[in-house]
Amino acid sequence: MFPPLSLGTPFTLFSIPHKHRSAKSLDYLKLMLSDYVNWYNNIRIHSSLGYLTPMSFRELAYKKVV
């Protein structure tokens, strides 16, 4: 059994309407994966990164190095 999903997360929103559907094409699958990766890296905050997005954390780390 899987743990319950939080409502409103992209994974939940992606999985509910598409639960019983397979990808119509490889291009559609690539688009859906691209949207998820964009959300994960640019919108979702991560507690292990000080509640920053991975891109924000990377930019901050880069500024500290340069």
N, C-alpha and C. Protein backbone atom coordinates (compact mmCIF):
# COMPACT_ATOMS: atom_id res chain seq x y z
N MET A 1 0.84 -1.18 0.00
CA MET A 1 0.00 0.00 0.00
C MET A 1 0.88 1.24 0.00
N PHE A 2 0.51 2.23 -0.78
CA PHE A 2 1.26 3.46 -0.88
C PHE A 2 0.78 4.45 0.17
N PRO A 3 1.68 5.33 0.65
CA PRO A 3 1.24 6.36 1.60
C PRO A 3 0.29 7.32 0.91
N PRO A 4 -0.58 7.97 1.67
CA PRO A 4 -1.53 8.91 1.06
C PRO A 4 -0.78 10.09 0.43
N LEU A 5 -1.30 10.60 -0.66
CA LEU A 5 -0.70 11.73 -1.34
C LEU A 5 -1.35 13.02 -0.86
N SER A 6 -0.57 14.08 -0.79
CA SER A 6 -1.12 15.39 -0.44
C SER A 6 -1.89 15.93 -1.63
N LEU A 7 -3.05 16.47 -1.37
CA LEU A 7 -3.83 17.07 -2.45
C LEU A 7 -3.15 18.35 -2.90
N GLY A 8 -3.16 18.60 -4.18
CA GLY A 8 -2.62 19.82 -4.72
C GLY A 8 -1.18 19.73 -5.17
N THR A 9 -0.52 18.61 -4.95
CA THR A 9 0.84 18.48 -5.45
C THR A 9 0.79 18.07 -6.91
N PRO A 10 1.80 18.45 -7.69
CA PRO A 10 1.78 18.06 -9.10
C PRO A 10 1.67 16.55 -9.30
N PHE A 11 2.29 15.76 -8.42
CA PHE A 11 2.19 14.32 -8.59
C PHE A 11 0.75 13.87 -8.44
N THR A 12 0.06 14.41 -7.44
CA THR A 12 -1.34 14.07 -7.24
C THR A 12 -2.18 14.54 -8.42
N LEU A 13 -1.97 15.78 -8.83
CA LEU A 13 -2.75 16.32 -9.93
C LEU A 13 -2.46 15.58 -11.23
N PHE A 14 -1.23 15.11 -11.39
CA PHE A 14 -0.86 14.35 -12.58
C PHE A 14 -1.46 12.95 -12.52
N SER A 15 -1.43 12.35 -11.35
CA SER A 15 -1.83 10.94 -11.27
C SER A 15 -3.34 10.74 -11.29
N ILE A 16 -4.10 11.67 -10.77
CA ILE A 16 -5.55 11.46 -10.71
C ILE A 16 -6.19 11.40 -12.10
N PRO A 17 -6.00 12.42 -12.96
CA PRO A 17 -6.67 12.33 -14.26
C PRO A 17 -6.07 11.28 -15.18
N HIS A 18 -4.84 10.89 -14.93
CA HIS A 18 -4.16 9.98 -15.84
C HIS A 18 -4.00 8.58 -15.24
N LYS A 19 -4.69 8.31 -14.15
CA LYS A 19 -4.48 7.07 -13.42
C LYS A 19 -4.67 5.83 -14.28
N HIS A 20 -5.68 5.83 -15.11
CA HIS A 20 -5.98 4.63 -15.89
C HIS A 20 -5.71 4.84 -17.38
N ARG A 21 -4.84 5.78 -17.67
CA ARG A 21 -4.50 6.06 -19.06
C ARG A 21 -3.03 5.82 -19.29
N SER A 22 -2.69 5.30 -20.42
CA SER A 22 -1.29 5.21 -20.78
C SER A 22 -0.94 6.43 -21.62
N ALA A 23 0.34 6.73 -21.73
CA ALA A 23 0.77 7.87 -22.53
C ALA A 23 0.35 7.65 -23.98
N LYS A 24 -0.22 8.69 -24.57
CA LYS A 24 -0.70 8.59 -25.95
C LYS A 24 0.47 8.48 -26.93
N SER A 25 1.57 9.11 -26.57
CA SER A 25 2.72 9.08 -27.46
C SER A 25 3.98 9.36 -26.64
N LEU A 26 5.10 9.11 -27.23
CA LEU A 26 6.37 9.39 -26.58
C LEU A 26 6.53 10.90 -26.37
N ASP A 27 6.07 11.70 -27.31
CA ASP A 27 6.15 13.16 -27.17
C ASP A 27 5.33 13.64 -25.97
N TYR A 28 4.15 13.07 -25.78
CA TYR A 28 3.31 13.44 -24.64
C TYR A 28 3.99 13.07 -23.33
N LEU A 29 4.58 11.89 -23.29
CA LEU A 29 5.29 11.45 -22.09
C LEU A 29 6.46 12.38 -21.79
N LYS A 30 7.22 12.75 -22.82
CA LYS A 30 8.34 13.67 -22.63
C LYS A 30 7.86 15.01 -22.09
N LEU A 31 6.73 15.50 -22.59
CA LEU A 31 6.18 16.77 -22.12
C LEU A 31 5.78 16.67 -20.65
N MET A 32 5.11 15.59 -20.27
CA MET A 32 4.68 15.42 -18.88
C MET A 32 5.89 15.31 -17.95
N LEU A 33 6.91 14.57 -18.35
CA LEU A 33 8.11 14.44 -17.53
C LEU A 33 8.85 15.77 -17.43
N SER A 34 8.90 16.50 -18.51
CA SER A 34 9.55 17.81 -18.51
C SER A 34 8.83 18.77 -17.55
N ASP A 35 7.51 18.75 -17.56
CA ASP A 35 6.74 19.59 -16.64
C ASP A 35 7.03 19.22 -15.19
N TYR A 36 7.10 17.92 -14.91
CA TYR A 36 7.37 17.47 -13.55
C TYR A 36 8.77 17.88 -13.10
N VAL A 37 9.77 17.69 -13.95
CA VAL A 37 11.15 18.07 -13.61
C VAL A 37 11.24 19.57 -13.38
N ASN A 38 10.56 20.36 -14.21
CA ASN A 38 10.55 21.81 -14.02
C ASN A 38 9.94 22.16 -12.67
N TRP A 39 8.82 21.56 -12.33
CA TRP A 39 8.18 21.82 -11.03
C TRP A 39 9.12 21.43 -9.89
N TYR A 40 9.73 20.26 -9.99
CA TYR A 40 10.59 19.75 -8.92
C TYR A 40 11.81 20.64 -8.71
N ASN A 41 12.41 21.13 -9.77
CA ASN A 41 13.63 21.91 -9.66
C ASN A 41 13.41 23.40 -9.44
N ASN A 42 12.29 23.94 -9.91
CA ASN A 42 12.10 25.39 -9.89
C ASN A 42 10.98 25.89 -9.00
N ILE A 43 10.08 25.02 -8.57
CA ILE A 43 8.92 25.47 -7.80
C ILE A 43 8.87 24.82 -6.42
N ARG A 44 9.08 23.53 -6.35
CA ARG A 44 8.97 22.79 -5.08
C ARG A 44 10.12 23.16 -4.15
N ILE A 45 9.79 23.52 -2.91
CA ILE A 45 10.83 23.80 -1.93
C ILE A 45 11.22 22.51 -1.22
N HIS A 46 12.48 22.43 -0.84
CA HIS A 46 13.02 21.23 -0.21
C HIS A 46 13.50 21.58 1.19
N SER A 47 13.04 20.87 2.19
CA SER A 47 13.45 21.15 3.57
C SER A 47 14.94 20.93 3.75
N SER A 48 15.51 19.96 3.06
CA SER A 48 16.95 19.69 3.22
C SER A 48 17.82 20.77 2.58
N LEU A 49 17.22 21.65 1.79
CA LEU A 49 17.95 22.75 1.17
C LEU A 49 17.58 24.08 1.82
N GLY A 50 17.14 24.03 3.05
CA GLY A 50 16.76 25.26 3.75
C GLY A 50 15.49 25.88 3.20
N TYR A 51 14.59 25.05 2.73
CA TYR A 51 13.31 25.48 2.17
C TYR A 51 13.49 26.39 0.95
N LEU A 52 14.48 26.04 0.14
CA LEU A 52 14.70 26.69 -1.15
C LEU A 52 14.42 25.67 -2.24
N THR A 53 14.21 26.16 -3.44
CA THR A 53 14.12 25.26 -4.58
C THR A 53 15.54 24.83 -4.93
N PRO A 54 15.71 23.71 -5.61
CA PRO A 54 17.06 23.31 -6.00
C PRO A 54 17.78 24.38 -6.84
N MET A 55 17.06 25.05 -7.74
CA MET A 55 17.70 26.09 -8.55
C MET A 55 18.11 27.28 -7.69
N SER A 56 17.28 27.68 -6.74
CA SER A 56 17.63 28.79 -5.85
C SER A 56 18.84 28.41 -5.01
N PHE A 57 18.87 27.19 -4.52
CA PHE A 57 19.99 26.72 -3.72
C PHE A 57 21.27 26.71 -4.56
N ARG A 58 21.18 26.26 -5.78
CA ARG A 58 22.34 26.22 -6.67
C ARG A 58 22.85 27.63 -6.96
N GLU A 59 21.93 28.56 -7.24
CA GLU A 59 22.34 29.94 -7.51
C GLU A 59 23.01 30.56 -6.29
N LEU A 60 22.46 30.31 -5.11
CA LEU A 60 23.05 30.83 -3.88
C LEU A 60 24.43 30.23 -3.64
N ALA A 61 24.58 28.94 -3.86
CA ALA A 61 25.88 28.28 -3.69
C ALA A 61 26.89 28.83 -4.69
N TYR A 62 26.45 29.08 -5.91
CA TYR A 62 27.34 29.61 -6.94
C TYR A 62 27.82 31.01 -6.56
N LYS A 63 26.93 31.84 -6.02
CA LYS A 63 27.30 33.19 -5.61
C LYS A 63 28.33 33.16 -4.49
N LYS A 64 28.24 32.17 -3.61
CA LYS A 64 29.20 32.05 -2.51
C LYS A 64 30.58 31.65 -3.02
N VAL A 65 30.63 30.89 -4.11
CA VAL A 65 31.90 30.43 -4.67
C VAL A 65 32.57 31.53 -5.47
N VAL A 66 31.79 32.29 -6.21
CA VAL A 66 32.34 33.33 -7.09
C VAL A 66 32.58 34.60 -6.38
